[in-house]
């Protein structure tokens, strides 16, 4: 059985487990950063559980800034609950559960919630091989992002939610 819900601080250990399993050590948020995010914006964590096990997660902050700055990843205080833009920091699926559509299900739920919250749109960065996944969800590739995160090349993806 699948269940989608927002996170709480009680989910920290499972969220940290998933973060470390899905990203390289240079890319992954630390337990401390994840804790700060959960203390600041737990309602911007979307969790998908299968039979009680966390198998996928989407998380990020809201801001009025139209650009996803690297400093946002580590500074939860930059969150503005009334912000127009939902920044996505991570779209993660447990390696054991990949290629089953869980990330798509969760992203569609996050998109629906952002529309209901009257956000202007959703912004994220991804590696080149993930661009087609986000394009299927309606995101537009805006080119190489101005990001030095983990020393990788990231592409800026944007989904406008307002006409």
Protein backbone atom coordinates (compact mmCIF):
# COMPACT_ATOMS: atom_id res chain seq x y z
CA UNK A 1 0.00 0.00 0.00
CA UNK A 2 1.27 3.46 -0.94
CA UNK A 3 0.94 6.47 1.34
CA UNK A 4 1.97 10.07 0.58
CA UNK A 5 2.40 12.51 3.44
CA UNK A 6 4.45 15.44 4.64
CA UNK A 7 7.35 14.89 7.00
CA UNK A 8 7.98 15.58 10.65
CA UNK A 9 11.14 15.69 12.72
CA UNK A 10 10.37 12.07 13.70
CA UNK A 11 11.25 11.09 10.11
CA UNK A 12 14.81 12.44 10.32
CA UNK A 13 16.64 9.10 10.49
CA UNK A 14 14.76 7.58 7.55
CA UNK A 15 15.10 10.78 5.52
CA UNK A 16 18.83 10.84 6.23
CA UNK A 17 19.11 7.16 5.22
CA UNK A 18 17.40 7.87 1.90
CA UNK A 19 19.46 11.02 1.23
CA UNK A 20 22.74 9.17 1.77
CA UNK A 21 21.61 6.24 -0.41
CA UNK A 22 20.59 8.47 -3.32
CA UNK A 23 23.37 11.03 -3.55
CA UNK A 24 27.14 10.97 -3.54
CA UNK A 25 28.79 12.20 -0.32
CA UNK A 26 29.58 15.52 -2.05
CA UNK A 27 25.98 16.01 -3.18
CA UNK A 28 24.02 14.72 -0.17
CA UNK A 29 22.74 17.02 2.53
CA UNK A 30 24.13 16.21 5.96
CA UNK A 31 21.96 14.95 8.80
CA UNK A 32 22.38 18.37 10.44
CA UNK A 33 21.14 20.21 7.33
CA UNK A 34 18.22 17.80 6.94
CA UNK A 35 17.29 18.38 10.59
CA UNK A 36 17.33 22.16 10.06
CA UNK A 37 15.13 21.78 6.98
CA UNK A 38 12.67 19.58 8.89
CA UNK A 39 12.55 22.10 11.74
CA UNK A 40 11.93 24.96 9.29
CA UNK A 41 9.79 23.57 6.46
CA UNK A 42 8.52 20.02 7.16
CA UNK A 43 5.46 20.68 4.97
CA UNK A 44 7.81 21.01 1.99
CA UNK A 45 8.93 17.41 2.32
CA UNK A 46 6.73 14.99 0.41
CA UNK A 47 7.26 11.38 1.47
CA UNK A 48 6.06 8.25 -0.30
CA UNK A 49 5.88 5.11 1.80
CA UNK A 50 5.22 1.61 0.60
CA UNK A 51 3.95 -0.71 3.30
CA UNK A 52 5.32 1.67 5.94
CA UNK A 53 8.82 2.00 4.42
CA UNK A 54 10.06 5.34 3.06
CA UNK A 55 10.86 4.65 -0.61
CA UNK A 56 10.78 8.13 -2.20
CA UNK A 57 11.07 11.75 -1.15
CA UNK A 58 10.90 15.25 -2.61
CA UNK A 59 11.98 18.25 -0.59
CA UNK A 60 12.76 21.92 -0.92
CA UNK A 61 12.01 25.41 0.31
CA UNK A 62 9.88 28.29 -0.93
CA UNK A 63 11.21 31.74 -1.74
CA UNK A 64 10.44 34.82 -3.79
CA UNK A 65 13.81 34.39 -5.50
CA UNK A 66 13.44 33.03 -9.06
CA UNK A 67 16.92 31.53 -8.98
CA UNK A 68 18.05 28.44 -7.11
CA UNK A 69 21.23 29.56 -5.37
CA UNK A 70 23.69 27.00 -3.98
CA UNK A 71 23.53 28.68 -0.56
CA UNK A 72 19.85 27.67 -0.25
CA UNK A 73 20.82 24.01 0.12
CA UNK A 74 22.57 24.65 3.44
CA UNK A 75 20.63 27.64 4.79
CA UNK A 76 17.10 26.72 5.83
CA UNK A 77 16.62 30.26 7.17
CA UNK A 78 16.27 31.45 3.55
CA UNK A 79 12.85 29.74 3.44
CA UNK A 80 9.84 32.06 3.07
CA UNK A 81 6.59 30.15 3.64
CA UNK A 82 4.71 32.65 1.46
CA UNK A 83 7.34 32.55 -1.30
CA UNK A 84 6.16 32.41 -4.89
CA UNK A 85 8.62 29.74 -6.01
CA UNK A 86 9.04 26.18 -4.75
CA UNK A 87 12.70 25.19 -4.95
CA UNK A 88 13.30 21.44 -5.06
CA UNK A 89 16.53 20.25 -3.50
CA UNK A 90 16.09 16.52 -3.90
CA UNK A 91 13.93 14.05 -5.79
CA UNK A 92 14.97 10.70 -4.41
CA UNK A 93 13.93 7.08 -4.74
CA UNK A 94 15.48 4.26 -2.74
CA UNK A 95 17.73 2.31 -5.14
CA UNK A 96 15.77 -0.89 -4.39
CA UNK A 97 12.53 0.75 -5.57
CA UNK A 98 13.62 2.68 -8.68
CA UNK A 99 11.92 2.45 -12.08
CA UNK A 100 8.47 1.83 -10.57
CA UNK A 101 7.07 5.34 -11.08
CA UNK A 102 7.35 6.45 -7.45
CA UNK A 103 9.28 9.66 -8.21
CA UNK A 104 6.67 10.62 -10.84
CA UNK A 105 3.82 9.96 -8.42
CA UNK A 106 5.47 12.08 -5.76
CA UNK A 107 6.39 14.92 -8.12
CA UNK A 108 2.81 15.06 -9.44
CA UNK A 109 1.59 15.35 -5.84
CA UNK A 110 4.08 18.15 -5.11
CA UNK A 111 3.06 19.95 -8.33
CA UNK A 112 -0.62 19.67 -7.35
CA UNK A 113 0.11 21.06 -3.87
CA UNK A 114 2.15 23.94 -5.32
CA UNK A 115 -0.73 24.82 -7.67
CA UNK A 116 -3.17 24.75 -4.74
CA UNK A 117 -0.80 27.03 -2.79
CA UNK A 118 -0.78 29.46 -5.78
CA UNK A 119 2.99 29.20 -6.30
CA UNK A 120 4.34 30.77 -9.49
CA UNK A 121 6.27 27.63 -10.25
CA UNK A 122 8.83 25.03 -9.29
CA UNK A 123 12.56 25.30 -9.90
CA UNK A 124 15.18 22.58 -9.55
CA UNK A 125 18.54 21.57 -10.92
CA UNK A 126 19.43 18.14 -12.23
CA UNK A 127 22.14 16.26 -14.04
CA UNK A 128 21.86 15.94 -17.81
CA UNK A 129 20.61 12.34 -17.78
CA UNK A 130 17.57 13.35 -15.69
CA UNK A 131 16.36 16.12 -18.03
CA UNK A 132 13.90 13.85 -19.94
CA UNK A 133 12.25 12.76 -16.67
CA UNK A 134 11.49 16.35 -15.70
CA UNK A 135 10.45 17.34 -19.22
CA UNK A 136 7.78 14.59 -19.10
CA UNK A 137 6.40 16.34 -16.02
CA UNK A 138 6.22 19.66 -17.89
CA UNK A 139 9.49 21.25 -16.78
CA UNK A 140 11.46 23.33 -19.29
CA UNK A 141 15.23 23.02 -19.54
CA UNK A 142 16.69 26.51 -19.06
CA UNK A 143 20.26 25.38 -19.75
CA UNK A 144 23.32 24.93 -17.57
CA UNK A 145 22.70 26.29 -14.09
CA UNK A 146 24.97 28.75 -12.35
CA UNK A 147 25.86 26.18 -9.71
CA UNK A 148 29.07 24.76 -8.34
CA UNK A 149 27.27 22.27 -6.09
CA UNK A 150 29.46 19.19 -5.56
CA UNK A 151 31.61 20.25 -8.52
CA UNK A 152 29.07 18.84 -11.02
CA UNK A 153 27.31 20.28 -14.06
CA UNK A 154 23.65 20.97 -13.26
CA UNK A 155 20.80 21.95 -15.54
CA UNK A 156 18.15 24.44 -14.47
CA UNK A 157 14.62 23.08 -14.86
CA UNK A 158 11.54 25.25 -14.39
CA UNK A 159 7.82 24.51 -14.31
CA UNK A 160 5.57 27.57 -14.50
CA UNK A 161 2.29 27.07 -12.66
CA UNK A 162 0.57 30.39 -13.31
CA UNK A 163 -0.87 31.34 -16.72
